[in-house]
C-alpha cells in the first residue's frame, strides 16, 4: 500500500508543477492579448471617438 500512496503523492506534485508552468505562461499572454487588443481598438476602431465626445460637449452644434 505504501507504493500506491507514494505514487499518488508524486502524481499530485507533478500535476501541481504542470499547472504552475501553464499558469506562468498563460497569465502574461492574457495580459499581452488584452493590452494589444485595447491598443488596436484605440488606434483603428475608435478613430473618431474623440471627435464624437467633443461634439456632444458642444451639444451637437457644428462649428
PDB file of N, CA and C in Angstrom:
ATOM      1  N   UNK A   1       0.815  -1.202   0.000  1.00  0.00           N
ATOM      2  CA  UNK A   1       0.000   0.000   0.000  1.00  0.00           C
ATOM      3  C   UNK A   1       0.852   1.256   0.000  1.00  0.00           C
ATOM      4  N   UNK A   2       2.027   1.208   0.575  1.00  0.00           N
ATOM      5  CA  UNK A   2       2.885   2.384   0.654  1.00  0.00           C
ATOM      6  C   UNK A   2       3.299   2.878  -0.720  1.00  0.00           C
ATOM      7  N   UNK A   3       3.476   1.942  -1.654  1.00  0.00           N
ATOM      8  CA  UNK A   3       3.885   2.310  -3.001  1.00  0.00           C
ATOM      9  C   UNK A   3       2.796   3.120  -3.707  1.00  0.00           C
ATOM     10  N   UNK A   4       1.537   2.765  -3.509  1.00  0.00           N
ATOM     11  CA  UNK A   4       0.429   3.484  -4.138  1.00  0.00           C
ATOM     12  C   UNK A   4       0.321   4.902  -3.589  1.00  0.00           C
ATOM     13  N   UNK A   5       0.542   5.070  -2.290  1.00  0.00           N
ATOM     14  CA  UNK A   5       0.473   6.401  -1.689  1.00  0.00           C
ATOM     15  C   UNK A   5       1.606   7.282  -2.210  1.00  0.00           C
ATOM     16  N   UNK A   6       2.797   6.707  -2.350  1.00  0.00           N
ATOM     17  CA  UNK A   6       3.931   7.476  -2.865  1.00  0.00           C
ATOM     18  C   UNK A   6       3.685   7.868  -4.322  1.00  0.00           C
ATOM     19  N   UNK A   7       3.119   6.949  -5.095  1.00  0.00           N
ATOM     20  CA  UNK A   7       2.832   7.239  -6.496  1.00  0.00           C
ATOM     21  C   UNK A   7       1.791   8.349  -6.612  1.00  0.00           C
ATOM     22  N   UNK A   8       0.779   8.303  -5.768  1.00  0.00           N
ATOM     23  CA  UNK A   8      -0.271   9.326  -5.784  1.00  0.00           C
ATOM     24  C   UNK A   8       0.289  10.685  -5.395  1.00  0.00           C
ATOM     25  N   UNK A   9       1.152  10.712  -4.383  1.00  0.00           N
ATOM     26  CA  UNK A   9       1.760  11.974  -3.963  1.00  0.00           C
ATOM     27  C   UNK A   9       2.652  12.542  -5.070  1.00  0.00           C
ATOM     28  N   UNK A  10       3.417  11.672  -5.711  1.00  0.00           N
ATOM     29  CA  UNK A  10       4.287  12.137  -6.794  1.00  0.00           C
ATOM     30  C   UNK A  10       3.457  12.665  -7.967  1.00  0.00           C
ATOM     31  N   UNK A  11       2.369  11.983  -8.289  1.00  0.00           N
ATOM     32  CA  UNK A  11       1.484  12.441  -9.357  1.00  0.00           C
ATOM     33  C   UNK A  11       0.898  13.810  -9.020  1.00  0.00           C
ATOM     34  N   UNK A  12       0.483  13.994  -7.778  1.00  0.00           N
ATOM     35  CA  UNK A  12      -0.082  15.280  -7.359  1.00  0.00           C
ATOM     36  C   UNK A  12       0.948  16.395  -7.491  1.00  0.00           C
ATOM     37  N   UNK A  13       2.184  16.123  -7.117  1.00  0.00           N
ATOM     38  CA  UNK A  13       3.243  17.134  -7.231  1.00  0.00           C
ATOM     39  C   UNK A  13       3.504  17.471  -8.695  1.00  0.00           C
ATOM     40  N   UNK A  14       3.547  16.458  -9.551  1.00  0.00           N
ATOM     41  CA  UNK A  14       3.750  16.703 -10.980  1.00  0.00           C
ATOM     42  C   UNK A  14       2.606  17.531 -11.562  1.00  0.00           C
ATOM     43  N   UNK A  15       1.379  17.207 -11.180  1.00  0.00           N
ATOM     44  CA  UNK A  15       0.235  17.953 -11.701  1.00  0.00           C
ATOM     45  C   UNK A  15       0.238  19.398 -11.218  1.00  0.00           C
ATOM     46  N   UNK A  16       0.596  19.613  -9.965  1.00  0.00           N
ATOM     47  CA  UNK A  16       0.707  20.984  -9.452  1.00  0.00           C
ATOM     48  C   UNK A  16       1.803  21.755 -10.184  1.00  0.00           C
ATOM     49  N   UNK A  17       2.919  21.099 -10.423  1.00  0.00           N
ATOM     50  CA  UNK A  17       4.006  21.742 -11.161  1.00  0.00           C
ATOM     51  C   UNK A  17       3.603  22.083 -12.583  1.00  0.00           C
ATOM     52  N   UNK A  18       2.900  21.164 -13.230  1.00  0.00           N
ATOM     53  CA  UNK A  18       2.430  21.414 -14.592  1.00  0.00           C
ATOM     54  C   UNK A  18       1.441  22.578 -14.618  1.00  0.00           C
ATOM     55  N   UNK A  19       0.538  22.616 -13.653  1.00  0.00           N
ATOM     56  CA  UNK A  19      -0.422  23.721 -13.575  1.00  0.00           C
ATOM     57  C   UNK A  19       0.304  25.046 -13.344  1.00  0.00           C
ATOM     58  N   UNK A  20       1.344  25.029 -12.527  1.00  0.00           N
ATOM     59  CA  UNK A  20       2.115  26.251 -12.288  1.00  0.00           C
ATOM     60  C   UNK A  20       2.826  26.711 -13.557  1.00  0.00           C
ATOM     61  N   UNK A  21       3.389  25.781 -14.307  1.00  0.00           N
ATOM     62  CA  UNK A  21       4.055  26.150 -15.564  1.00  0.00           C
ATOM     63  C   UNK A  21       3.067  26.712 -16.581  1.00  0.00           C
ATOM     64  N   UNK A  22       1.924  26.077 -16.715  1.00  0.00           N
ATOM     65  CA  UNK A  22       0.911  26.562 -17.653  1.00  0.00           C
ATOM     66  C   UNK A  22       0.402  27.932 -17.211  1.00  0.00           C
ATOM     67  N   UNK A  23       0.153  28.091 -15.927  1.00  0.00           N
ATOM     68  CA  UNK A  23      -0.300  29.383 -15.416  1.00  0.00           C
ATOM     69  C   UNK A  23       0.724  30.477 -15.612  1.00  0.00           C
ATOM     70  N   UNK A  24       2.000  30.128 -15.452  1.00  0.00           N
ATOM     71  CA  UNK A  24       3.075  31.095 -15.647  1.00  0.00           C
ATOM     72  C   UNK A  24       3.128  31.561 -17.098  1.00  0.00           C
ATOM     73  N   UNK A  25       2.777  30.712 -18.031  1.00  0.00           N
ATOM     74  CA  UNK A  25       2.781  31.093 -19.443  1.00  0.00           C
ATOM     75  C   UNK A  25       1.489  31.798 -19.847  1.00  0.00           C
ATOM     76  N   UNK A  26       0.365  31.359 -19.322  1.00  0.00           N
ATOM     77  CA  UNK A  26      -0.924  31.884 -19.759  1.00  0.00           C
ATOM     78  C   UNK A  26      -1.203  33.275 -19.190  1.00  0.00           C
ATOM     79  N   UNK A  27      -0.830  33.539 -17.966  1.00  0.00           N
ATOM     80  CA  UNK A  27      -1.132  34.837 -17.354  1.00  0.00           C
ATOM     81  C   UNK A  27      -0.498  36.000 -18.117  1.00  0.00           C
ATOM     82  N   UNK A  28       0.808  35.988 -18.391  1.00  0.00           N
ATOM     83  CA  UNK A  28       1.365  37.105 -19.172  1.00  0.00           C
ATOM     84  C   UNK A  28       0.804  37.170 -20.595  1.00  0.00           C
ATOM     85  N   UNK A  29       0.508  36.016 -21.175  1.00  0.00           N
ATOM     86  CA  UNK A  29      -0.070  36.002 -22.514  1.00  0.00           C
ATOM     87  C   UNK A  29      -1.446  36.663 -22.520  1.00  0.00           C
ATOM     88  N   UNK A  30      -2.252  36.388 -21.505  1.00  0.00           N
ATOM     89  CA  UNK A  30      -3.576  37.007 -21.444  1.00  0.00           C
ATOM     90  C   UNK A  30      -3.468  38.513 -21.251  1.00  0.00           C
ATOM     91  N   UNK A  31      -2.507  38.953 -20.453  1.00  0.00           N
ATOM     92  CA  UNK A  31      -2.301  40.398 -20.282  1.00  0.00           C
ATOM     93  C   UNK A  31      -1.852  41.037 -21.588  1.00  0.00           C
ATOM     94  N   UNK A  32      -0.970  40.367 -22.319  1.00  0.00           N
ATOM     95  CA  UNK A  32      -0.496  40.887 -23.599  1.00  0.00           C
ATOM     96  C   UNK A  32      -1.640  40.995 -24.600  1.00  0.00           C
ATOM     97  N   UNK A  33      -2.465  39.971 -24.681  1.00  0.00           N
ATOM     98  CA  UNK A  33      -3.580  39.985 -25.629  1.00  0.00           C
ATOM     99  C   UNK A  33      -4.565  41.089 -25.272  1.00  0.00           C
ATOM    100  N   UNK A  34      -4.852  41.243 -23.989  1.00  0.00           N
ATOM    101  CA  UNK A  34      -5.787  42.283 -23.567  1.00  0.00           C
ATOM    102  C   UNK A  34      -5.238  43.665 -23.904  1.00  0.00           C
ATOM    103  N   UNK A  35      -3.960  43.911 -23.610  1.00  0.00           N
ATOM    104  CA  UNK A  35      -3.357  45.217 -23.880  1.00  0.00           C
ATOM    105  C   UNK A  35      -3.258  45.463 -25.381  1.00  0.00           C
ATOM    106  N   UNK A  36      -2.852  44.452 -26.142  1.00  0.00           N
ATOM    107  CA  UNK A  36      -2.703  44.615 -27.579  1.00  0.00           C
ATOM    108  C   UNK A  36      -4.054  44.876 -28.230  1.00  0.00           C
ATOM    109  N   UNK A  37      -5.107  44.207 -27.772  1.00  0.00           N
ATOM    110  CA  UNK A  37      -6.438  44.432 -28.319  1.00  0.00           C
ATOM    111  C   UNK A  37      -6.895  45.853 -28.025  1.00  0.00           C
ATOM    112  N   UNK A  38      -6.643  46.327 -26.814  1.00  0.00           N
ATOM    113  CA  UNK A  38      -7.019  47.689 -26.443  1.00  0.00           C
ATOM    114  C   UNK A  38      -6.263  48.700 -27.299  1.00  0.00           C
ATOM    115  N   UNK A  39      -4.972  48.443 -27.502  1.00  0.00           N
ATOM    116  CA  UNK A  39      -4.148  49.341 -28.306  1.00  0.00           C
ATOM    117  C   UNK A  39      -4.646  49.370 -29.753  1.00  0.00           C
ATOM    118  N   UNK A  40      -4.985  48.207 -30.302  1.00  0.00           N
ATOM    119  CA  UNK A  40      -5.502  48.126 -31.669  1.00  0.00           C
ATOM    120  C   UNK A  40      -6.825  48.879 -31.775  1.00  0.00           C
ATOM    121  N   UNK A  41      -7.734  48.628 -30.828  1.00  0.00           N
ATOM    122  CA  UNK A  41      -9.030  49.307 -30.855  1.00  0.00           C
ATOM    123  C   UNK A  41      -8.855  50.816 -30.784  1.00  0.00           C
ATOM    124  N   UNK A  42      -7.976  51.260 -29.927  1.00  0.00           N
ATOM    125  CA  UNK A  42      -7.766  52.692 -29.757  1.00  0.00           C
ATOM    126  C   UNK A  42      -7.193  53.318 -31.026  1.00  0.00           C
ATOM    127  N   UNK A  43      -6.336  52.576 -31.718  1.00  0.00           N
ATOM    128  CA  UNK A  43      -5.698  53.109 -32.919  1.00  0.00           C
ATOM    129  C   UNK A  43      -6.615  53.065 -34.131  1.00  0.00           C
ATOM    130  N   UNK A  44      -7.327  51.960 -34.342  1.00  0.00           N
ATOM    131  CA  UNK A  44      -8.054  51.765 -35.590  1.00  0.00           C
ATOM    132  C   UNK A  44      -9.573  51.806 -35.462  1.00  0.00           C
ATOM    133  N   UNK A  45     -10.129  51.382 -34.344  1.00  0.00           N
ATOM    134  CA  UNK A  45     -11.580  51.279 -34.229  1.00  0.00           C
ATOM    135  C   UNK A  45     -12.184  52.570 -33.697  1.00  0.00           C
ATOM    136  N   UNK A  46     -11.559  53.164 -32.690  1.00  0.00           N
ATOM    137  CA  UNK A  46     -12.102  54.358 -32.054  1.00  0.00           C
ATOM    138  C   UNK A  46     -11.509  55.631 -32.650  1.00  0.00           C
ATOM    139  N   UNK A  47     -11.254  55.636 -33.939  1.00  0.00           N
ATOM    140  CA  UNK A  47     -10.570  56.771 -34.560  1.00  0.00           C
ATOM    141  C   UNK A  47     -11.360  58.057 -34.350  1.00  0.00           C
ATOM    142  N   UNK A  48     -12.662  58.046 -34.571  1.00  0.00           N
ATOM    143  CA  UNK A  48     -13.461  59.257 -34.437  1.00  0.00           C
ATOM    144  C   UNK A  48     -14.098  59.424 -33.079  1.00  0.00           C
ATOM    145  N   UNK A  49     -13.726  58.602 -32.129  1.00  0.00           N
ATOM    146  CA  UNK A  49     -14.384  58.633 -30.818  1.00  0.00           C
ATOM    147  C   UNK A  49     -14.162  59.962 -30.113  1.00  0.00           C
ATOM    148  N   UNK A  50     -12.949  60.489 -30.152  1.00  0.00           N
ATOM    149  CA  UNK A  50     -12.661  61.771 -29.501  1.00  0.00           C
ATOM    150  C   UNK A  50     -13.453  62.905 -30.117  1.00  0.00           C
ATOM    151  N   UNK A  51     -13.639  62.871 -31.428  1.00  0.00           N
ATOM    152  CA  UNK A  51     -14.422  63.903 -32.099  1.00  0.00           C
ATOM    153  C   UNK A  51     -15.884  63.833 -31.680  1.00  0.00           C
ATOM    154  N   UNK A  52     -16.416  62.636 -31.492  1.00  0.00           N
ATOM    155  CA  UNK A  52     -17.797  62.496 -31.033  1.00  0.00           C
ATOM    156  C   UNK A  52     -17.962  63.074 -29.642  1.00  0.00           C
ATOM    157  N   UNK A  53     -16.993  62.853 -28.775  1.00  0.00           N
ATOM    158  CA  UNK A  53     -17.069  63.415 -27.435  1.00  0.00           C
ATOM    159  C   UNK A  53     -17.043  64.935 -27.486  1.00  0.00           C
ATOM    160  N   UNK A  54     -16.203  65.489 -28.327  1.00  0.00           N
ATOM    161  CA  UNK A  54     -16.140  66.943 -28.452  1.00  0.00           C
ATOM    162  C   UNK A  54     -17.472  67.507 -28.929  1.00  0.00           C
ATOM    163  N   UNK A  55     -18.113  66.843 -29.894  1.00  0.00           N
ATOM    164  CA  UNK A  55     -19.405  67.306 -30.406  1.00  0.00           C
ATOM    165  C   UNK A  55     -20.481  67.227 -29.341  1.00  0.00           C
ATOM    166  N   UNK A  56     -20.480  66.169 -28.548  1.00  0.00           N
ATOM    167  CA  UNK A  56     -21.513  66.023 -27.522  1.00  0.00           C
ATOM    168  C   UNK A  56     -21.338  67.060 -26.422  1.00  0.00           C
ATOM    169  N   UNK A  57     -20.116  67.488 -26.165  1.00  0.00           N
ATOM    170  CA  UNK A  57     -19.892  68.529 -25.162  1.00  0.00           C
ATOM    171  C   UNK A  57     -20.381  69.884 -25.661  1.00  0.00           C
ATOM    172  N   UNK A  58     -20.414  70.081 -26.971  1.00  0.00           N
ATOM    173  CA  UNK A  58     -20.920  71.333 -27.544  1.00  0.00           C
ATOM    174  C   UNK A  58     -22.401  71.206 -27.884  1.00  0.00           C
ATOM    175  N   UNK A  59     -23.057  70.205 -27.353  1.00  0.00           N
ATOM    176  CA  UNK A  59     -24.480  69.933 -27.596  1.00  0.00           C
ATOM    177  C   UNK A  59     -24.775  69.643 -29.060  1.00  0.00           C
ATOM    178  N   UNK A  60     -23.812  69.063 -29.748  1.00  0.00           N
ATOM    179  CA  UNK A  60     -24.031  68.656 -31.126  1.00  0.00           C
ATOM    180  C   UNK A  60     -24.037  69.791 -32.121  1.00  0.00           C
ATOM    181  N   UNK A  61     -23.657  70.987 -31.700  1.00  0.00           N
ATOM    182  CA  UNK A  61     -23.654  72.127 -32.619  1.00  0.00           C
ATOM    183  C   UNK A  61     -22.383  72.107 -33.453  1.00  0.00           C
ATOM    184  N   UNK A  62     -22.527  72.181 -34.772  1.00  0.00           N
ATOM    185  CA  UNK A  62     -21.320  72.228 -35.604  1.00  0.00           C
ATOM    186  C   UNK A  62     -20.629  73.575 -35.470  1.00  0.00           C
ATOM    187  N   UNK A  63     -19.367  73.587 -35.771  1.00  0.00           N
ATOM    188  CA  UNK A  63     -18.607  74.841 -35.651  1.00  0.00           C
ATOM    189  C   UNK A  63     -18.886  75.753 -36.808  1.00  0.00           C
TER     190      UNK A  63
END
